[in-house]
Amino acid sequence: MTADHADLALHEVDPERRAAVALDASIVRRRQWDREHRRPPALTAREALAAVRFESLLIWAAWGHVLWGGTVTTEDRDRANLAMQRIEQIFDETGA
């Protein structure tokens, strides 16, 4: 049953189930539209992993510095925050 067919046959569905069937059809249409209009990712999987690796190593090095008694400067904290923002952006960009 296609989403369009579900719309046409909605009057045949039990009244208790009409809302659920209509919502399901809407979700199917939205997902189909998303698939058809998806833009290609800006990064390949290899590029994304390389960038995440770099940012992760930076955070790991900062953690090691703190673990061995080092202090965290404002610049260190800002760079760690930037690393996390970049990882989030990469995650969003790859469509994961």
C-alpha atoms as a PDB file:
ATOM      1  CA  MET A   1       0.000   0.000   0.000  1.00  0.00           C
ATOM      2  CA  THR A   2       1.537   3.325  -1.037  1.00  0.00           C
ATOM      3  CA  ALA A   3       1.170   6.489   0.977  1.00  0.00           C
ATOM      4  CA  ASP A   4      -1.178   7.927  -1.678  1.00  0.00           C
ATOM      5  CA  HIS A   5      -3.314   4.795  -1.610  1.00  0.00           C
ATOM      6  CA  ALA A   6      -3.462   5.020   2.189  1.00  0.00           C
ATOM      7  CA  ASP A   7      -4.845   8.568   1.868  1.00  0.00           C
ATOM      8  CA  LEU A   8      -7.512   7.470  -0.577  1.00  0.00           C
ATOM      9  CA  ALA A   9      -8.567   4.487   1.532  1.00  0.00           C
ATOM     10  CA  LEU A  10      -8.510   6.278   4.889  1.00  0.00           C
ATOM     11  CA  HIS A  11     -12.307   6.260   5.051  1.00  0.00           C
ATOM     12  CA  GLU A  12     -12.141   2.444   5.016  1.00  0.00           C
ATOM     13  CA  VAL A  13      -9.990   2.308   8.169  1.00  0.00           C
ATOM     14  CA  ASP A  14     -11.621   1.818  11.561  1.00  0.00           C
ATOM     15  CA  PRO A  15     -12.223   5.210  13.175  1.00  0.00           C
ATOM     16  CA  GLU A  16     -10.036   4.267  16.144  1.00  0.00           C
ATOM     17  CA  ARG A  17      -7.059   3.695  13.833  1.00  0.00           C
ATOM     18  CA  ARG A  18      -7.485   6.567  11.362  1.00  0.00           C
ATOM     19  CA  ALA A  19      -5.192   8.981  13.188  1.00  0.00           C
ATOM     20  CA  ALA A  20      -2.407   6.403  13.473  1.00  0.00           C
ATOM     21  CA  VAL A  21      -2.737   5.396   9.811  1.00  0.00           C
ATOM     22  CA  ALA A  22      -2.722   9.042   8.708  1.00  0.00           C
ATOM     23  CA  LEU A  23       0.380   9.759  10.811  1.00  0.00           C
ATOM     24  CA  ASP A  24       2.128   6.683   9.445  1.00  0.00           C
ATOM     25  CA  ALA A  25       1.392   7.793   5.885  1.00  0.00           C
ATOM     26  CA  SER A  26       2.706  11.269   6.680  1.00  0.00           C
ATOM     27  CA  ILE A  27       5.930   9.831   8.106  1.00  0.00           C
ATOM     28  CA  VAL A  28       6.403   7.637   5.034  1.00  0.00           C
ATOM     29  CA  ARG A  29       5.951  10.649   2.732  1.00  0.00           C
ATOM     30  CA  ARG A  30       8.372  12.741   4.815  1.00  0.00           C
ATOM     31  CA  ARG A  31      11.039  10.015   4.749  1.00  0.00           C
ATOM     32  CA  GLN A  32      10.593   9.563   1.006  1.00  0.00           C
ATOM     33  CA  TRP A  33      10.971  13.322   0.491  1.00  0.00           C
ATOM     34  CA  ASP A  34      14.096  13.333   2.693  1.00  0.00           C
ATOM     35  CA  ARG A  35      15.637  10.515   0.625  1.00  0.00           C
ATOM     36  CA  GLU A  36      14.865  12.276  -2.644  1.00  0.00           C
ATOM     37  CA  HIS A  37      16.171  15.674  -1.513  1.00  0.00           C
ATOM     38  CA  ARG A  38      19.186  14.600   0.531  1.00  0.00           C
ATOM     39  CA  ARG A  39      22.256  16.591  -0.318  1.00  0.00           C
ATOM     40  CA  PRO A  40      25.509  14.705  -0.700  1.00  0.00           C
ATOM     41  CA  PRO A  41      27.766  14.817   2.345  1.00  0.00           C
ATOM     42  CA  ALA A  42      30.551  17.396   2.270  1.00  0.00           C
ATOM     43  CA  LEU A  43      33.014  14.815   3.622  1.00  0.00           C
ATOM     44  CA  THR A  44      33.851  11.294   2.622  1.00  0.00           C
ATOM     45  CA  ALA A  45      33.880   8.702   5.396  1.00  0.00           C
ATOM     46  CA  ARG A  46      37.691   8.660   5.291  1.00  0.00           C
ATOM     47  CA  GLU A  47      37.898  12.453   5.609  1.00  0.00           C
ATOM     48  CA  ALA A  48      35.410  12.458   8.470  1.00  0.00           C
ATOM     49  CA  LEU A  49      37.325   9.758  10.348  1.00  0.00           C
ATOM     50  CA  ALA A  50      40.634  11.569   9.836  1.00  0.00           C
ATOM     51  CA  ALA A  51      39.181  14.808  11.208  1.00  0.00           C
ATOM     52  CA  VAL A  52      37.558  13.069  14.177  1.00  0.00           C
ATOM     53  CA  ARG A  53      40.835  11.248  14.857  1.00  0.00           C
ATOM     54  CA  PHE A  54      42.754  14.530  14.944  1.00  0.00           C
ATOM     55  CA  GLU A  55      40.251  16.245  17.230  1.00  0.00           C
ATOM     56  CA  SER A  56      40.087  13.174  19.480  1.00  0.00           C
ATOM     57  CA  LEU A  57      43.881  13.052  19.784  1.00  0.00           C
ATOM     58  CA  LEU A  58      43.878  16.701  20.748  1.00  0.00           C
ATOM     59  CA  ILE A  59      41.324  16.072  23.509  1.00  0.00           C
ATOM     60  CA  TRP A  60      43.240  12.969  24.615  1.00  0.00           C
ATOM     61  CA  ALA A  61      46.500  14.963  24.851  1.00  0.00           C
ATOM     62  CA  ALA A  62      44.773  17.661  26.888  1.00  0.00           C
ATOM     63  CA  TRP A  63      43.319  15.013  29.197  1.00  0.00           C
ATOM     64  CA  GLY A  64      46.797  13.511  29.672  1.00  0.00           C
ATOM     65  CA  HIS A  65      48.185  16.939  30.498  1.00  0.00           C
ATOM     66  CA  VAL A  66      45.553  17.400  33.205  1.00  0.00           C
ATOM     67  CA  LEU A  67      46.020  13.839  34.442  1.00  0.00           C
ATOM     68  CA  TRP A  68      49.717  14.525  35.046  1.00  0.00           C
ATOM     69  CA  GLY A  69      48.937  17.653  37.063  1.00  0.00           C
ATOM     70  CA  GLY A  70      48.976  20.278  34.359  1.00  0.00           C
ATOM     71  CA  THR A  71      46.672  23.255  34.457  1.00  0.00           C
ATOM     72  CA  VAL A  72      44.074  24.136  31.868  1.00  0.00           C
ATOM     73  CA  THR A  73      44.328  27.596  30.390  1.00  0.00           C
ATOM     74  CA  THR A  74      41.464  29.499  28.824  1.00  0.00           C
ATOM     75  CA  GLU A  75      43.007  28.782  25.425  1.00  0.00           C
ATOM     76  CA  ASP A  76      43.154  25.052  26.236  1.00  0.00           C
ATOM     77  CA  ARG A  77      39.504  25.014  27.249  1.00  0.00           C
ATOM     78  CA  ASP A  78      38.480  27.005  24.175  1.00  0.00           C
ATOM     79  CA  ARG A  79      40.383  24.603  21.885  1.00  0.00           C
ATOM     80  CA  ALA A  80      38.814  21.563  23.569  1.00  0.00           C
ATOM     81  CA  ASN A  81      35.376  23.127  23.096  1.00  0.00           C
ATOM     82  CA  LEU A  82      36.209  23.797  19.449  1.00  0.00           C
ATOM     83  CA  ALA A  83      37.276  20.162  19.035  1.00  0.00           C
ATOM     84  CA  MET A  84      33.943  18.968  20.404  1.00  0.00           C
ATOM     85  CA  GLN A  85      32.041  21.385  18.154  1.00  0.00           C
ATOM     86  CA  ARG A  86      33.960  20.093  15.143  1.00  0.00           C
ATOM     87  CA  ILE A  87      33.215  16.488  16.068  1.00  0.00           C
ATOM     88  CA  GLU A  88      29.509  17.364  16.366  1.00  0.00           C
ATOM     89  CA  GLN A  89      29.607  19.147  12.992  1.00  0.00           C
ATOM     90  CA  ILE A  90      31.265  16.137  11.389  1.00  0.00           C
ATOM     91  CA  PHE A  91      28.626  13.872  12.900  1.00  0.00           C
ATOM     92  CA  ASP A  92      25.853  16.100  11.562  1.00  0.00           C
ATOM     93  CA  GLU A  93      27.489  16.466   8.145  1.00  0.00           C
ATOM     94  CA  THR A  94      27.895  12.756   7.588  1.00  0.00           C
ATOM     95  CA  GLY A  95      24.219  12.178   8.269  1.00  0.00           C
ATOM     96  CA  ALA A  96      24.896   9.691  10.987  1.00  0.00           C
END
